[in-house]
């Protein structure tokens, strides 16, 4: 008759030692993860306003400057970059 030896315990030696110590002291030894929170960045309100103003002016000026054909070509390039893989 052949007998196969089973493992007396699961996991490795270090894990078993940790489990025994935790049971003995009654609390987990594993370090708790600390959540690090950074302070939110404060934006300069004047700079934000100028940026929005500039982008609005720039977009309107560029749209007025482009011809219908140029807008069509830009749109086609954008669609090809977005949808076409060739």
N, C-alpha and C. Protein backbone atom coordinates (compact mmCIF):
# COMPACT_ATOMS: atom_id res chain seq x y z
N UNK A 1 0.83 -1.17 0.00
CA UNK A 1 0.00 0.00 0.00
C UNK A 1 0.89 1.25 0.00
N UNK A 2 0.57 2.21 -0.92
CA UNK A 2 1.36 3.42 -1.03
C UNK A 2 0.65 4.55 -0.30
N UNK A 3 1.39 5.21 0.57
CA UNK A 3 0.84 6.36 1.29
C UNK A 3 1.47 7.63 0.75
N UNK A 4 0.65 8.63 0.51
CA UNK A 4 1.15 9.91 0.05
C UNK A 4 1.12 10.88 1.22
N UNK A 5 2.19 11.57 1.39
CA UNK A 5 2.26 12.52 2.48
C UNK A 5 1.63 13.84 2.05
N UNK A 6 0.75 14.34 2.86
CA UNK A 6 0.14 15.64 2.61
C UNK A 6 0.89 16.71 3.39
N UNK A 7 0.67 17.91 3.05
CA UNK A 7 1.31 19.00 3.78
C UNK A 7 0.61 19.21 5.12
N UNK A 8 1.42 19.48 6.11
CA UNK A 8 0.86 19.71 7.44
C UNK A 8 0.21 21.08 7.53
N UNK A 9 0.73 22.03 6.74
CA UNK A 9 0.17 23.37 6.77
C UNK A 9 0.25 23.97 5.38
N UNK A 10 -0.55 24.98 5.16
CA UNK A 10 -0.55 25.64 3.86
C UNK A 10 0.29 26.91 3.93
N UNK A 11 0.78 27.37 2.82
CA UNK A 11 1.56 28.60 2.77
C UNK A 11 3.01 28.34 3.11
N UNK A 12 3.82 29.35 3.03
CA UNK A 12 5.23 29.16 3.34
C UNK A 12 5.50 29.41 4.83
N UNK A 13 6.73 29.21 5.22
CA UNK A 13 7.11 29.29 6.62
C UNK A 13 6.90 30.70 7.17
N UNK A 14 7.27 31.71 6.40
CA UNK A 14 7.13 33.09 6.87
C UNK A 14 5.66 33.46 7.07
N UNK A 15 4.81 33.03 6.16
CA UNK A 15 3.38 33.33 6.31
C UNK A 15 2.80 32.63 7.53
N UNK A 16 3.23 31.39 7.76
CA UNK A 16 2.74 30.67 8.94
C UNK A 16 3.23 31.33 10.22
N UNK A 17 4.47 31.79 10.23
CA UNK A 17 5.00 32.47 11.42
C UNK A 17 4.23 33.76 11.68
N UNK A 18 3.95 34.51 10.65
CA UNK A 18 3.18 35.74 10.80
C UNK A 18 1.79 35.43 11.36
N UNK A 19 1.16 34.39 10.83
CA UNK A 19 -0.18 34.02 11.30
C UNK A 19 -0.15 33.63 12.78
N UNK A 20 0.86 32.89 13.20
CA UNK A 20 0.97 32.46 14.60
C UNK A 20 1.16 33.67 15.51
N UNK A 21 2.03 34.61 15.11
CA UNK A 21 2.27 35.80 15.93
C UNK A 21 1.00 36.65 16.01
N UNK A 22 0.32 36.83 14.89
CA UNK A 22 -0.91 37.63 14.89
C UNK A 22 -1.96 37.00 15.80
N UNK A 23 -2.07 35.67 15.78
CA UNK A 23 -3.03 35.00 16.66
C UNK A 23 -2.63 35.17 18.12
N UNK A 24 -1.32 35.14 18.37
CA UNK A 24 -0.85 35.25 19.76
C UNK A 24 -1.10 36.64 20.34
N UNK A 25 -0.88 37.68 19.54
CA UNK A 25 -1.07 39.04 20.07
C UNK A 25 -2.49 39.55 19.85
N UNK A 26 -3.26 38.90 18.99
CA UNK A 26 -4.65 39.26 18.81
C UNK A 26 -4.92 40.41 17.86
N UNK A 27 -3.92 40.82 17.08
CA UNK A 27 -4.14 41.89 16.09
C UNK A 27 -3.17 41.68 14.92
N UNK A 28 -3.53 42.22 13.77
CA UNK A 28 -2.68 42.03 12.60
C UNK A 28 -1.39 42.85 12.68
N UNK A 29 -0.31 42.28 12.17
CA UNK A 29 0.98 42.96 12.14
C UNK A 29 1.24 43.65 10.81
N UNK A 30 0.45 43.33 9.81
CA UNK A 30 0.68 43.90 8.50
C UNK A 30 0.49 45.41 8.57
N UNK A 31 1.42 46.17 7.98
CA UNK A 31 1.29 47.64 8.05
C UNK A 31 0.08 48.11 7.25
N UNK A 32 -0.61 49.07 7.81
CA UNK A 32 -1.76 49.65 7.12
C UNK A 32 -1.26 50.63 6.08
N UNK A 33 -1.87 50.63 4.93
CA UNK A 33 -1.47 51.56 3.88
C UNK A 33 -1.88 52.97 4.25
N UNK A 34 -0.94 53.87 4.07
CA UNK A 34 -1.24 55.27 4.33
C UNK A 34 -1.64 55.93 3.02
N UNK A 35 -2.73 56.64 3.06
CA UNK A 35 -3.18 57.34 1.87
C UNK A 35 -2.62 58.76 1.92
N UNK A 36 -1.82 59.08 0.92
CA UNK A 36 -1.20 60.39 0.87
C UNK A 36 -2.07 61.29 0.01
N UNK A 37 -2.48 62.39 0.59
CA UNK A 37 -3.29 63.35 -0.15
C UNK A 37 -2.50 64.65 -0.29
N UNK A 38 -2.43 65.12 -1.51
CA UNK A 38 -1.73 66.37 -1.78
C UNK A 38 -2.72 67.52 -1.73
N UNK A 39 -2.21 68.67 -1.38
CA UNK A 39 -3.06 69.85 -1.38
C UNK A 39 -3.42 70.21 -2.81
N UNK A 40 -4.66 70.63 -3.05
CA UNK A 40 -5.05 70.99 -4.41
C UNK A 40 -4.28 72.22 -4.88
N UNK A 41 -3.94 72.20 -6.15
CA UNK A 41 -3.23 73.36 -6.71
C UNK A 41 -4.19 74.52 -6.86
N UNK A 42 -3.72 75.68 -6.51
CA UNK A 42 -4.54 76.87 -6.66
C UNK A 42 -4.14 77.55 -7.97
N UNK A 43 -5.12 77.85 -8.78
CA UNK A 43 -4.85 78.50 -10.05
C UNK A 43 -5.06 80.00 -9.91
N UNK A 44 -4.27 80.72 -10.63
CA UNK A 44 -4.39 82.17 -10.64
C UNK A 44 -5.63 82.52 -11.46
N UNK A 45 -6.61 83.14 -10.85
CA UNK A 45 -7.88 83.44 -11.52
C UNK A 45 -7.69 84.34 -12.73
N UNK A 46 -6.77 85.28 -12.64
CA UNK A 46 -6.52 86.19 -13.76
C UNK A 46 -5.94 85.42 -14.95
N UNK A 47 -5.03 84.49 -14.67
CA UNK A 47 -4.43 83.70 -15.74
C UNK A 47 -5.47 82.79 -16.40
N UNK A 48 -6.35 82.23 -15.60
CA UNK A 48 -7.41 81.37 -16.15
C UNK A 48 -8.32 82.18 -17.06
N UNK A 49 -8.70 83.38 -16.62
CA UNK A 49 -9.57 84.24 -17.43
C UNK A 49 -8.90 84.63 -18.74
N UNK A 50 -7.61 84.97 -18.68
CA UNK A 50 -6.89 85.34 -19.90
C UNK A 50 -6.77 84.15 -20.84
N UNK A 51 -6.55 82.97 -20.30
CA UNK A 51 -6.44 81.77 -21.14
C UNK A 51 -7.74 81.48 -21.86
N UNK A 52 -8.85 81.59 -21.15
CA UNK A 52 -10.15 81.36 -21.79
C UNK A 52 -10.44 82.40 -22.85
N UNK A 53 -10.13 83.64 -22.53
CA UNK A 53 -10.36 84.72 -23.47
C UNK A 53 -9.53 84.52 -24.74
N UNK A 54 -8.26 84.17 -24.56
CA UNK A 54 -7.38 83.96 -25.71
C UNK A 54 -7.81 82.79 -26.57
N UNK A 55 -8.25 81.72 -25.95
CA UNK A 55 -8.66 80.55 -26.74
C UNK A 55 -9.93 80.85 -27.53
N UNK A 56 -10.83 81.61 -26.94
CA UNK A 56 -12.05 81.98 -27.66
C UNK A 56 -11.71 82.86 -28.86
N UNK A 57 -10.89 83.85 -28.62
CA UNK A 57 -10.52 84.77 -29.70
C UNK A 57 -9.78 84.02 -30.80
N UNK A 58 -8.84 83.16 -30.40
CA UNK A 58 -8.04 82.43 -31.37
C UNK A 58 -8.86 81.50 -32.24
N UNK A 59 -9.79 80.79 -31.62
CA UNK A 59 -10.62 79.86 -32.38
C UNK A 59 -11.52 80.58 -33.36
N UNK A 60 -12.10 81.67 -32.95
CA UNK A 60 -12.99 82.44 -33.83
C UNK A 60 -12.19 83.04 -34.97
N UNK A 61 -11.03 83.59 -34.67
CA UNK A 61 -10.20 84.21 -35.71
C UNK A 61 -9.73 83.15 -36.72
N UNK A 62 -9.34 82.00 -36.23
CA UNK A 62 -8.87 80.95 -37.14
C UNK A 62 -10.02 80.46 -38.02
N UNK A 63 -11.19 80.27 -37.44
CA UNK A 63 -12.33 79.81 -38.23
C UNK A 63 -12.70 80.84 -39.30
N UNK A 64 -12.61 82.11 -38.99
CA UNK A 64 -12.95 83.14 -39.96
C UNK A 64 -11.94 83.19 -41.09
N UNK A 65 -10.69 82.86 -40.78
CA UNK A 65 -9.62 82.94 -41.76
C UNK A 65 -9.65 81.76 -42.74
N UNK A 66 -10.10 80.60 -42.30
CA UNK A 66 -10.07 79.40 -43.15
C UNK A 66 -11.17 79.42 -44.19
N UNK A 67 -10.84 78.88 -45.35
CA UNK A 67 -11.85 78.74 -46.40
C UNK A 67 -12.60 77.44 -46.15
N UNK A 68 -13.70 77.26 -46.85
CA UNK A 68 -14.49 76.03 -46.71
C UNK A 68 -13.64 74.81 -47.10
N UNK A 69 -12.84 74.95 -48.14
CA UNK A 69 -11.99 73.85 -48.59
C UNK A 69 -10.94 73.49 -47.52
N UNK A 70 -10.35 74.50 -46.88
CA UNK A 70 -9.35 74.24 -45.84
C UNK A 70 -9.98 73.55 -44.63
N UNK A 71 -11.19 73.99 -44.25
CA UNK A 71 -11.90 73.35 -43.14
C UNK A 71 -12.20 71.90 -43.47
N UNK A 72 -12.59 71.63 -44.72
CA UNK A 72 -12.90 70.27 -45.16
C UNK A 72 -11.66 69.39 -45.07
N UNK A 73 -10.50 69.91 -45.52
CA UNK A 73 -9.26 69.14 -45.48
C UNK A 73 -8.85 68.83 -44.04
N UNK A 74 -8.98 69.82 -43.16
CA UNK A 74 -8.65 69.62 -41.74
C UNK A 74 -9.56 68.55 -41.14
N UNK A 75 -10.85 68.63 -41.45
CA UNK A 75 -11.81 67.65 -40.92
C UNK A 75 -11.50 66.25 -41.44
N UNK A 76 -11.11 66.14 -42.72
CA UNK A 76 -10.79 64.84 -43.29
C UNK A 76 -9.53 64.25 -42.65
N UNK A 77 -8.52 65.09 -42.42
CA UNK A 77 -7.30 64.62 -41.75
C UNK A 77 -7.61 64.15 -40.33
N UNK A 78 -8.46 64.90 -39.66
CA UNK A 78 -8.83 64.53 -38.29
C UNK A 78 -9.59 63.21 -38.27
N UNK A 79 -10.52 63.03 -39.20
CA UNK A 79 -11.28 61.78 -39.27
C UNK A 79 -10.38 60.61 -39.61
N UNK A 80 -9.43 60.83 -40.51
CA UNK A 80 -8.51 59.76 -40.88
C UNK A 80 -7.62 59.39 -39.71
N UNK A 81 -7.15 60.39 -38.96
CA UNK A 81 -6.33 60.12 -37.79
C UNK A 81 -7.13 59.40 -36.72
N UNK A 82 -8.39 59.73 -36.59
CA UNK A 82 -9.22 59.13 -35.55
C UNK A 82 -9.72 57.75 -35.93
N UNK A 83 -10.17 57.58 -37.16
CA UNK A 83 -10.84 56.34 -37.55
C UNK A 83 -10.02 55.47 -38.48
N UNK A 84 -9.21 56.07 -39.34
CA UNK A 84 -8.46 55.29 -40.31
C UNK A 84 -7.12 54.86 -39.77
N UNK A 85 -6.76 53.64 -40.02
CA UNK A 85 -5.46 53.13 -39.56
C UNK A 85 -4.55 52.88 -40.77
N UNK A 86 -4.49 53.83 -41.67
CA UNK A 86 -3.64 53.57 -42.84
C UNK A 86 -3.27 54.81 -43.57
